[in-house]
All heavy atoms as atom14 arrays in JSON, in Angstrom:
{
  "sequence": "NYVDSVKGRFTISVDNAKNTVFLQMNSLKPEDTGVYYCASRWAT",
  "atom14_mask": [
    [1, 1, 1, 1, 1, 1, 1, 1, 0, 0, 0, 0, 0, 0],
    [1, 1, 1, 1, 1, 1, 1, 1, 1, 1, 1, 1, 0, 0],
    [1, 1, 1, 1, 1, 1, 1, 0, 0, 0, 0, 0, 0, 0],
    [1, 1, 1, 1, 1, 1, 1, 1, 0, 0, 0, 0, 0, 0],
    [1, 1, 1, 1, 1, 1, 0, 0, 0, 0, 0, 0, 0, 0],
    [1, 1, 1, 1, 1, 1, 1, 0, 0, 0, 0, 0, 0, 0],
    [1, 1, 1, 1, 1, 1, 1, 1, 1, 0, 0, 0, 0, 0],
    [1, 1, 1, 1, 0, 0, 0, 0, 0, 0, 0, 0, 0, 0],
    [1, 1, 1, 1, 1, 1, 1, 1, 1, 1, 1, 0, 0, 0],
    [1, 1, 1, 1, 1, 1, 1, 1, 1, 1, 1, 0, 0, 0],
    [1, 1, 1, 1, 1, 1, 1, 0, 0, 0, 0, 0, 0, 0],
    [1, 1, 1, 1, 1, 1, 1, 1, 0, 0, 0, 0, 0, 0],
    [1, 1, 1, 1, 1, 1, 0, 0, 0, 0, 0, 0, 0, 0],
    [1, 1, 1, 1, 1, 1, 1, 0, 0, 0, 0, 0, 0, 0],
    [1, 1, 1, 1, 1, 1, 1, 1, 0, 0, 0, 0, 0, 0],
    [1, 1, 1, 1, 1, 1, 1, 1, 0, 0, 0, 0, 0, 0],
    [1, 1, 1, 1, 1, 0, 0, 0, 0, 0, 0, 0, 0, 0],
    [1, 1, 1, 1, 1, 1, 1, 1, 1, 0, 0, 0, 0, 0],
    [1, 1, 1, 1, 1, 1, 1, 1, 0, 0, 0, 0, 0, 0],
    [1, 1, 1, 1, 1, 1, 1, 0, 0, 0, 0, 0, 0, 0],
    [1, 1, 1, 1, 1, 1, 1, 0, 0, 0, 0, 0, 0, 0],
    [1, 1, 1, 1, 1, 1, 1, 1, 1, 1, 1, 0, 0, 0],
    [1, 1, 1, 1, 1, 1, 1, 1, 0, 0, 0, 0, 0, 0],
    [1, 1, 1, 1, 1, 1, 1, 1, 1, 0, 0, 0, 0, 0],
    [1, 1, 1, 1, 1, 1, 1, 1, 0, 0, 0, 0, 0, 0],
    [1, 1, 1, 1, 1, 1, 1, 1, 0, 0, 0, 0, 0, 0],
    [1, 1, 1, 1, 1, 1, 0, 0, 0, 0, 0, 0, 0, 0],
    [1, 1, 1, 1, 1, 1, 1, 1, 0, 0, 0, 0, 0, 0],
    [1, 1, 1, 1, 1, 1, 1, 1, 1, 0, 0, 0, 0, 0],
    [1, 1, 1, 1, 1, 1, 1, 0, 0, 0, 0, 0, 0, 0],
    [1, 1, 1, 1, 1, 1, 1, 1, 1, 0, 0, 0, 0, 0],
    [1, 1, 1, 1, 1, 1, 1, 1, 0, 0, 0, 0, 0, 0],
    [1, 1, 1, 1, 1, 1, 1, 0, 0, 0, 0, 0, 0, 0],
    [1, 1, 1, 1, 0, 0, 0, 0, 0, 0, 0, 0, 0, 0],
    [1, 1, 1, 1, 1, 1, 1, 0, 0, 0, 0, 0, 0, 0],
    [1, 1, 1, 1, 1, 1, 1, 1, 1, 1, 1, 1, 0, 0],
    [1, 1, 1, 1, 1, 1, 1, 1, 1, 1, 1, 1, 0, 0],
    [1, 1, 1, 1, 1, 1, 0, 0, 0, 0, 0, 0, 0, 0],
    [1, 1, 1, 1, 1, 0, 0, 0, 0, 0, 0, 0, 0, 0],
    [1, 1, 1, 1, 1, 1, 0, 0, 0, 0, 0, 0, 0, 0],
    [1, 1, 1, 1, 1, 1, 1, 1, 1, 1, 1, 0, 0, 0],
    [1, 1, 1, 1, 1, 1, 1, 1, 1, 1, 1, 1, 1, 1],
    [1, 1, 1, 1, 1, 0, 0, 0, 0, 0, 0, 0, 0, 0],
    [1, 1, 1, 1, 1, 1, 1, 0, 0, 0, 0, 0, 0, 0]
  ],
  "atom14_positions": [
    [[-11.95, -33.77, 5.27], [-12.09, -33.47, 3.77], [-13.18, -34.29, 3.31], [-13.48, -35.35, 3.75], [-10.75, -33.9, 3.11], [-10.69, -33.37, 1.71], [-11.15, -34.04, 0.77], [-10.22, -32.17, 1.4], [0.0, 0.0, 0.0], [0.0, 0.0, 0.0], [0.0, 0.0, 0.0], [0.0, 0.0, 0.0], [0.0, 0.0, 0.0], [0.0, 0.0, 0.0]],
    [[-13.93, -33.65, 2.31], [-15.06, -34.3, 1.78], [-15.1, -34.23, 0.21], [-14.55, -33.26, -0.34], [-16.33, -33.67, 2.28], [-16.59, -33.77, 3.79], [-16.04, -32.68, 4.55], [-17.26, -34.76, 4.32], [-16.18, -32.68, 5.92], [-17.4, -34.74, 5.73], [-16.8, -33.7, 6.47], [-17.04, -33.72, 7.88], [0.0, 0.0, 0.0], [0.0, 0.0, 0.0]],
    [[-15.73, -35.24, -0.45], [-15.92, -35.1, -1.85], [-17.01, -34.01, -2.06], [-17.86, -33.75, -1.18], [-16.4, -36.52, -2.44], [-17.75, -36.89, -1.89], [-16.36, -36.45, -4.02], [0.0, 0.0, 0.0], [0.0, 0.0, 0.0], [0.0, 0.0, 0.0], [0.0, 0.0, 0.0], [0.0, 0.0, 0.0], [0.0, 0.0, 0.0], [0.0, 0.0, 0.0]],
    [[-16.91, -33.27, -3.15], [-17.75, -32.08, -3.34], [-19.2, -32.51, -3.22], [-20.09, -31.68, -2.67], [-17.44, -31.46, -4.67], [-16.21, -30.68, -4.68], [-15.61, -30.41, -3.64], [-15.75, -30.29, -5.82], [0.0, 0.0, 0.0], [0.0, 0.0, 0.0], [0.0, 0.0, 0.0], [0.0, 0.0, 0.0], [0.0, 0.0, 0.0], [0.0, 0.0, 0.0]],
    [[-19.58, -33.65, -3.66], [-21.02, -34.04, -3.82], [-21.65, -34.22, -2.43], [-22.87, -34.3, -2.36], [-21.16, -35.33, -4.58], [-20.51, -36.36, -4.01], [0.0, 0.0, 0.0], [0.0, 0.0, 0.0], [0.0, 0.0, 0.0], [0.0, 0.0, 0.0], [0.0, 0.0, 0.0], [0.0, 0.0, 0.0], [0.0, 0.0, 0.0], [0.0, 0.0, 0.0]],
    [[-20.91, -34.32, -1.34], [-21.51, -34.46, 0.05], [-21.25, -33.38, 0.88], [-21.64, -33.36, 2.1], [-21.03, -35.83, 0.66], [-21.23, -36.99, -0.27], [-19.59, -35.75, 1.16], [0.0, 0.0, 0.0], [0.0, 0.0, 0.0], [0.0, 0.0, 0.0], [0.0, 0.0, 0.0], [0.0, 0.0, 0.0], [0.0, 0.0, 0.0], [0.0, 0.0, 0.0]],
    [[-20.48, -32.38, 0.51], [-20.2, -31.26, 1.34], [-21.51, -30.5, 1.83], [-22.31, -30.32, 0.93], [-19.27, -30.2, 0.64], [-17.78, -30.76, 0.52], [-16.9, -29.68, -0.21], [-15.49, -30.22, -0.27], [-14.63, -29.27, -1.01], [0.0, 0.0, 0.0], [0.0, 0.0, 0.0], [0.0, 0.0, 0.0], [0.0, 0.0, 0.0], [0.0, 0.0, 0.0]],
    [[-21.46, -30.25, 3.07], [-22.68, -29.6, 3.62], [-23.81, -30.54, 4.05], [-24.73, -30.09, 4.71], [0.0, 0.0, 0.0], [0.0, 0.0, 0.0], [0.0, 0.0, 0.0], [0.0, 0.0, 0.0], [0.0, 0.0, 0.0], [0.0, 0.0, 0.0], [0.0, 0.0, 0.0], [0.0, 0.0, 0.0], [0.0, 0.0, 0.0], [0.0, 0.0, 0.0]],
    [[-23.65, -31.78, 3.56], [-24.67, -32.88, 3.94], [-24.05, -33.94, 4.95], [-24.79, -34.41, 5.74], [-25.19, -33.51, 2.66], [-25.82, -32.51, 1.77], [-26.58, -33.29, 0.59], [-25.64, -34.03, -0.19], [-25.84, -35.38, -0.38], [-26.74, -36.03, 0.22], [-24.91, -36.01, -1.18], [0.0, 0.0, 0.0], [0.0, 0.0, 0.0], [0.0, 0.0, 0.0]],
    [[-22.85, -34.28, 4.73], [-22.24, -35.36, 5.5], [-21.12, -34.81, 6.42], [-20.48, -33.75, 6.17], [-21.49, -36.38, 4.55], [-22.27, -37.24, 3.75], [-23.72, -36.97, 3.54], [-21.88, -38.23, 3.04], [-24.49, -37.83, 2.77], [-22.56, -39.06, 2.24], [-23.87, -38.81, 2.15], [0.0, 0.0, 0.0], [0.0, 0.0, 0.0], [0.0, 0.0, 0.0]],
    [[-21.05, -35.45, 7.63], [-19.99, -35.0, 8.56], [-19.4, -36.19, 9.09], [-20.03, -37.14, 9.62], [-20.69, -34.23, 9.78], [-21.47, -33.16, 9.26], [-19.63, -33.74, 10.71], [0.0, 0.0, 0.0], [0.0, 0.0, 0.0], [0.0, 0.0, 0.0], [0.0, 0.0, 0.0], [0.0, 0.0, 0.0], [0.0, 0.0, 0.0], [0.0, 0.0, 0.0]],
    [[-17.98, -36.15, 9.04], [-17.17, -37.17, 9.56], [-16.63, -36.79, 10.91], [-16.28, -35.66, 11.19], [-16.05, -37.61, 8.58], [-15.31, -38.89, 9.16], [-15.07, -36.52, 8.37], [-14.29, -39.48, 8.13], [0.0, 0.0, 0.0], [0.0, 0.0, 0.0], [0.0, 0.0, 0.0], [0.0, 0.0, 0.0], [0.0, 0.0, 0.0], [0.0, 0.0, 0.0]],
    [[-16.67, -37.71, 11.93], [-16.15, -37.36, 13.21], [-15.58, -38.62, 13.89], [-15.78, -39.79, 13.39], [-17.25, -36.83, 14.17], [-18.27, -37.81, 14.25], [0.0, 0.0, 0.0], [0.0, 0.0, 0.0], [0.0, 0.0, 0.0], [0.0, 0.0, 0.0], [0.0, 0.0, 0.0], [0.0, 0.0, 0.0], [0.0, 0.0, 0.0], [0.0, 0.0, 0.0]],
    [[-14.82, -38.47, 14.94], [-14.14, -39.57, 15.5], [-14.21, -39.44, 17.01], [-14.18, -38.43, 17.59], [-12.66, -39.66, 15.01], [-11.85, -38.48, 15.56], [-11.99, -40.97, 15.6], [0.0, 0.0, 0.0], [0.0, 0.0, 0.0], [0.0, 0.0, 0.0], [0.0, 0.0, 0.0], [0.0, 0.0, 0.0], [0.0, 0.0, 0.0], [0.0, 0.0, 0.0]],
    [[-14.43, -40.61, 17.72], [-14.44, -40.68, 19.15], [-13.33, -41.64, 19.55], [-13.51, -42.82, 19.48], [-15.9, -41.21, 19.69], [-15.9, -41.19, 21.14], [-14.82, -41.24, 21.89], [-16.99, -41.12, 21.68], [0.0, 0.0, 0.0], [0.0, 0.0, 0.0], [0.0, 0.0, 0.0], [0.0, 0.0, 0.0], [0.0, 0.0, 0.0], [0.0, 0.0, 0.0]],
    [[-12.16, -41.13, 19.89], [-10.98, -41.88, 20.13], [-11.18, -42.71, 21.35], [-10.64, -43.85, 21.55], [-9.73, -41.06, 20.28], [-9.2, -40.6, 18.92], [-9.3, -41.3, 17.9], [-8.67, -39.42, 18.8], [0.0, 0.0, 0.0], [0.0, 0.0, 0.0], [0.0, 0.0, 0.0], [0.0, 0.0, 0.0], [0.0, 0.0, 0.0], [0.0, 0.0, 0.0]],
    [[-11.98, -42.28, 22.3], [-12.22, -43.0, 23.58], [-13.0, -44.4, 23.25], [-12.81, -45.25, 23.98], [-12.93, -42.18, 24.53], [0.0, 0.0, 0.0], [0.0, 0.0, 0.0], [0.0, 0.0, 0.0], [0.0, 0.0, 0.0], [0.0, 0.0, 0.0], [0.0, 0.0, 0.0], [0.0, 0.0, 0.0], [0.0, 0.0, 0.0], [0.0, 0.0, 0.0]],
    [[-13.81, -44.25, 22.26], [-14.62, -45.42, 21.77], [-14.11, -46.15, 20.6], [-14.67, -47.14, 20.2], [-16.1, -44.99, 21.59], [-16.66, -44.49, 22.7], [-18.24, -44.08, 22.41], [-18.95, -43.5, 23.65], [-20.39, -43.13, 23.38], [0.0, 0.0, 0.0], [0.0, 0.0, 0.0], [0.0, 0.0, 0.0], [0.0, 0.0, 0.0], [0.0, 0.0, 0.0]],
    [[-12.88, -45.73, 20.17], [-12.28, -46.32, 18.96], [-13.28, -46.38, 17.78], [-13.32, -47.43, 17.05], [-11.66, -47.67, 19.18], [-10.43, -47.7, 20.09], [-9.98, -46.61, 20.41], [-9.94, -48.79, 20.4], [0.0, 0.0, 0.0], [0.0, 0.0, 0.0], [0.0, 0.0, 0.0], [0.0, 0.0, 0.0], [0.0, 0.0, 0.0], [0.0, 0.0, 0.0]],
    [[-14.01, -45.29, 17.57], [-15.09, -45.35, 16.55], [-15.01, -44.05, 15.73], [-14.82, -42.94, 16.27], [-16.41, -45.51, 17.24], [-16.45, -46.71, 18.08], [-17.58, -45.55, 16.21], [0.0, 0.0, 0.0], [0.0, 0.0, 0.0], [0.0, 0.0, 0.0], [0.0, 0.0, 0.0], [0.0, 0.0, 0.0], [0.0, 0.0, 0.0], [0.0, 0.0, 0.0]],
    [[-15.23, -44.21, 14.4], [-15.41, -43.11, 13.51], [-16.86, -43.1, 12.97], [-17.44, -44.22, 12.8], [-14.34, -43.12, 12.38], [-14.61, -44.38, 11.46], [-14.47, -41.85, 11.58], [0.0, 0.0, 0.0], [0.0, 0.0, 0.0], [0.0, 0.0, 0.0], [0.0, 0.0, 0.0], [0.0, 0.0, 0.0], [0.0, 0.0, 0.0], [0.0, 0.0, 0.0]],
    [[-17.47, -41.97, 12.88], [-18.89, -41.81, 12.37], [-18.88, -41.06, 11.02], [-18.05, -40.28, 10.75], [-19.62, -41.06, 13.42], [-19.57, -41.69, 14.86], [-18.69, -41.26, 15.75], [-20.42, -42.78, 15.23], [-18.64, -41.8, 16.99], [-20.31, -43.32, 16.43], [-19.5, -42.83, 17.42], [0.0, 0.0, 0.0], [0.0, 0.0, 0.0], [0.0, 0.0, 0.0]],
    [[-19.96, -41.39, 10.29], [-20.36, -40.55, 9.22], [-21.72, -40.27, 9.36], [-22.66, -41.13, 9.22], [-20.05, -41.3, 7.89], [-20.27, -40.51, 6.67], [-19.21, -39.36, 6.52], [-20.3, -41.44, 5.38], [0.0, 0.0, 0.0], [0.0, 0.0, 0.0], [0.0, 0.0, 0.0], [0.0, 0.0, 0.0], [0.0, 0.0, 0.0], [0.0, 0.0, 0.0]],
    [[-22.15, -39.02, 9.67], [-23.52, -38.49, 9.74], [-23.86, -38.06, 8.28], [-23.27, -37.2, 7.79], [-23.64, -37.38, 10.75], [-25.01, -36.77, 10.89], [-26.01, -37.75, 11.41], [-25.76, -38.5, 12.4], [-27.1, -37.83, 10.81], [0.0, 0.0, 0.0], [0.0, 0.0, 0.0], [0.0, 0.0, 0.0], [0.0, 0.0, 0.0], [0.0, 0.0, 0.0]],
    [[-24.95, -38.58, 7.85], [-25.36, -38.37, 6.47], [-26.79, -37.8, 6.55], [-27.74, -38.48, 6.95], [-25.35, -39.66, 5.58], [-23.98, -40.4, 5.63], [-23.87, -41.78, 4.5], [-25.16, -42.82, 5.26], [0.0, 0.0, 0.0], [0.0, 0.0, 0.0], [0.0, 0.0, 0.0], [0.0, 0.0, 0.0], [0.0, 0.0, 0.0], [0.0, 0.0, 0.0]],
    [[-26.98, -36.51, 6.1], [-28.18, -35.8, 6.13], [-28.68, -35.46, 4.64], [-27.72, -35.52, 3.8], [-28.11, -34.6, 6.93], [-27.75, -34.84, 8.33], [-28.22, -35.85, 8.99], [-27.12, -33.86, 8.98], [0.0, 0.0, 0.0], [0.0, 0.0, 0.0], [0.0, 0.0, 0.0], [0.0, 0.0, 0.0], [0.0, 0.0, 0.0], [0.0, 0.0, 0.0]],
    [[-29.86, -35.21, 4.46], [-30.35, -34.81, 3.16], [-30.01, -35.81, 2.06], [-29.44, -35.45, 1.05], [-29.87, -33.38, 2.86], [-30.25, -32.46, 3.71], [0.0, 0.0, 0.0], [0.0, 0.0, 0.0], [0.0, 0.0, 0.0], [0.0, 0.0, 0.0], [0.0, 0.0, 0.0], [0.0, 0.0, 0.0], [0.0, 0.0, 0.0], [0.0, 0.0, 0.0]],
    [[-30.15, -37.06, 2.46], [-29.66, -38.08, 1.47], [-30.38, -38.04, 0.17], [-31.6, -37.79, 0.08], [-29.88, -39.46, 2.17], [-28.76, -39.79, 3.22], [-29.31, -40.85, 4.16], [-27.5, -40.18, 2.54], [0.0, 0.0, 0.0], [0.0, 0.0, 0.0], [0.0, 0.0, 0.0], [0.0, 0.0, 0.0], [0.0, 0.0, 0.0], [0.0, 0.0, 0.0]],
    [[-29.65, -38.36, -0.82], [-30.14, -38.43, -2.26], [-30.02, -39.89, -2.76], [-29.21, -40.65, -2.4], [-29.35, -37.48, -3.09], [-29.28, -36.11, -2.68], [-28.39, -35.21, -3.56], [-28.38, -33.8, -3.0], [-27.48, -32.95, -3.81], [0.0, 0.0, 0.0], [0.0, 0.0, 0.0], [0.0, 0.0, 0.0], [0.0, 0.0, 0.0], [0.0, 0.0, 0.0]],
    [[-30.91, -40.23, -3.72], [-30.73, -41.47, -4.39], [-29.25, -41.81, -4.87], [-28.9, -43.01, -4.8], [-31.69, -41.47, -5.54], [-32.82, -40.54, -5.03], [-32.02, -39.42, -4.37], [0.0, 0.0, 0.0], [0.0, 0.0, 0.0], [0.0, 0.0, 0.0], [0.0, 0.0, 0.0], [0.0, 0.0, 0.0], [0.0, 0.0, 0.0], [0.0, 0.0, 0.0]],
    [[-28.56, -40.84, -5.27], [-27.25, -41.03, -5.84], [-26.28, -41.35, -4.7], [-25.15, -41.66, -5.0], [-26.77, -39.84, -6.62], [-26.94, -38.5, -6.0], [-28.24, -37.77, -6.46], [-29.35, -38.46, -6.54], [-28.12, -36.6, -6.72], [0.0, 0.0, 0.0], [0.0, 0.0, 0.0], [0.0, 0.0, 0.0], [0.0, 0.0, 0.0], [0.0, 0.0, 0.0]],
    [[-26.66, -41.29, -3.46], [-25.8, -41.68, -2.38], [-25.85, -43.2, -2.05], [-25.12, -43.72, -1.33], [-26.24, -40.94, -1.12], [-26.01, -39.42, -1.16], [-24.92, -38.95, -1.69], [-26.83, -38.64, -0.64], [0.0, 0.0, 0.0], [0.0, 0.0, 0.0], [0.0, 0.0, 0.0], [0.0, 0.0, 0.0], [0.0, 0.0, 0.0], [0.0, 0.0, 0.0]],
    [[-26.76, -43.81, -2.82], [-26.88, -45.27, -2.65], [-25.58, -46.02, -2.97], [-24.92, -45.61, -3.89], [-28.02, -45.79, -3.55], [-29.19, -45.28, -3.06], [-28.04, -47.36, -3.56], [0.0, 0.0, 0.0], [0.0, 0.0, 0.0], [0.0, 0.0, 0.0], [0.0, 0.0, 0.0], [0.0, 0.0, 0.0], [0.0, 0.0, 0.0], [0.0, 0.0, 0.0]],
    [[-25.18, -46.96, -2.08], [-24.05, -47.77, -2.38], [-23.53, -48.44, -1.18], [-24.19, -48.39, -0.07], [0.0, 0.0, 0.0], [0.0, 0.0, 0.0], [0.0, 0.0, 0.0], [0.0, 0.0, 0.0], [0.0, 0.0, 0.0], [0.0, 0.0, 0.0], [0.0, 0.0, 0.0], [0.0, 0.0, 0.0], [0.0, 0.0, 0.0], [0.0, 0.0, 0.0]],
    [[-22.55, -49.24, -1.27], [-21.92, -49.94, -0.13], [-20.89, -48.88, 0.36], [-19.91, -48.44, -0.31], [-21.27, -51.2, -0.52], [-20.6, -51.87, 0.63], [-22.25, -52.18, -1.05], [0.0, 0.0, 0.0], [0.0, 0.0, 0.0], [0.0, 0.0, 0.0], [0.0, 0.0, 0.0], [0.0, 0.0, 0.0], [0.0, 0.0, 0.0], [0.0, 0.0, 0.0]],
    [[-20.99, -48.64, 1.71], [-20.0, -47.75, 2.34], [-18.94, -48.43, 3.21], [-19.26, -49.35, 3.9], [-20.78, -46.71, 3.2], [-21.5, -45.72, 2.52], [-22.53, -45.89, 1.61], [-21.01, -44.29, 2.61], [-23.17, -44.92, 0.9], [-21.69, -43.29, 1.79], [-22.78, -43.63, 1.02], [-23.44, -42.63, 0.31], [0.0, 0.0, 0.0], [0.0, 0.0, 0.0]],
    [[-17.67, -48.05, 2.88], [-16.59, -48.76, 3.48], [-15.82, -47.8, 4.33], [-15.52, -46.72, 3.94], [-15.68, -49.32, 2.46], [-16.18, -50.39, 1.57], [-16.84, -50.0, 0.33], [-16.13, -51.66, 1.84], [-17.35, -50.99, -0.55], [-16.67, -52.64, 1.03], [-17.3, -52.33, -0.09], [-17.82, -53.26, -0.92], [0.0, 0.0, 0.0], [0.0, 0.0, 0.0]],
    [[-15.35, -48.28, 5.52], [-14.5, -47.56, 6.43], [-13.02, -48.08, 6.11], [-12.86, -49.26, 5.86], [-14.89, -47.93, 7.83], [-13.84, -47.27, 9.08], [0.0, 0.0, 0.0], [0.0, 0.0, 0.0], [0.0, 0.0, 0.0], [0.0, 0.0, 0.0], [0.0, 0.0, 0.0], [0.0, 0.0, 0.0], [0.0, 0.0, 0.0], [0.0, 0.0, 0.0]],
    [[-12.14, -47.11, 6.24], [-10.66, -47.45, 6.0], [-9.86, -46.75, 6.96], [-10.26, -45.66, 7.5], [-10.28, -47.07, 4.65], [0.0, 0.0, 0.0], [0.0, 0.0, 0.0], [0.0, 0.0, 0.0], [0.0, 0.0, 0.0], [0.0, 0.0, 0.0], [0.0, 0.0, 0.0], [0.0, 0.0, 0.0], [0.0, 0.0, 0.0], [0.0, 0.0, 0.0]],
    [[-8.68, -47.36, 7.3], [-7.76, -46.65, 8.26], [-6.33, -47.0, 7.86], [-5.97, -47.87, 7.06], [-8.0, -47.15, 9.66], [-7.57, -48.47, 9.74], [0.0, 0.0, 0.0], [0.0, 0.0, 0.0], [0.0, 0.0, 0.0], [0.0, 0.0, 0.0], [0.0, 0.0, 0.0], [0.0, 0.0, 0.0], [0.0, 0.0, 0.0], [0.0, 0.0, 0.0]],
    [[-5.44, -46.0, 8.34], [-4.01, -46.32, 8.14], [-3.24, -45.45, 9.21], [-3.68, -44.49, 9.81], [-3.6, -45.66, 6.74], [-3.75, -44.17, 6.6], [-2.83, -43.66, 5.51], [-1.47, -43.54, 6.1], [-0.46, -43.4, 5.19], [-0.64, -43.37, 4.01], [0.81, -43.34, 5.75], [0.0, 0.0, 0.0], [0.0, 0.0, 0.0], [0.0, 0.0, 0.0]],
    [[-2.05, -45.98, 9.55], [-1.19, -45.28, 10.41], [-0.83, -43.91, 9.95], [-0.52, -43.78, 8.78], [0.03, -46.17, 10.75], [1.08, -45.52, 11.58], [2.09, -44.73, 11.1], [1.13, -45.5, 13.05], [2.88, -44.31, 12.21], [2.21, -44.66, 13.34], [0.3, -45.99, 14.09], [2.62, -44.51, 14.72], [0.72, -45.78, 15.38], [1.83, -44.96, 15.66]],
    [[-0.89, -42.93, 10.76], [-0.45, -41.58, 10.34], [0.78, -41.1, 11.1], [0.72, -41.08, 12.31], [-1.64, -40.55, 10.53], [0.0, 0.0, 0.0], [0.0, 0.0, 0.0], [0.0, 0.0, 0.0], [0.0, 0.0, 0.0], [0.0, 0.0, 0.0], [0.0, 0.0, 0.0], [0.0, 0.0, 0.0], [0.0, 0.0, 0.0], [0.0, 0.0, 0.0]],
    [[1.82, -40.71, 10.28], [3.07, -40.26, 10.98], [2.77, -38.91, 11.68], [3.5, -38.56, 12.66], [4.13, -40.05, 9.9], [3.58, -39.21, 8.87], [4.57, -41.39, 9.22], [0.0, 0.0, 0.0], [0.0, 0.0, 0.0], [0.0, 0.0, 0.0], [0.0, 0.0, 0.0], [0.0, 0.0, 0.0], [0.0, 0.0, 0.0], [0.0, 0.0, 0.0]]
  ]
}
């Protein structure tokens, strides 16, 4: 799921073998500037 402002430009993916989640950000805009945080939670 994505916020509307990044749809079509950002892609989230996960590599469970490497315990890593990625955020590919293309066509970046000045309004994308900020501190980016990763978050996690147990999922039932």
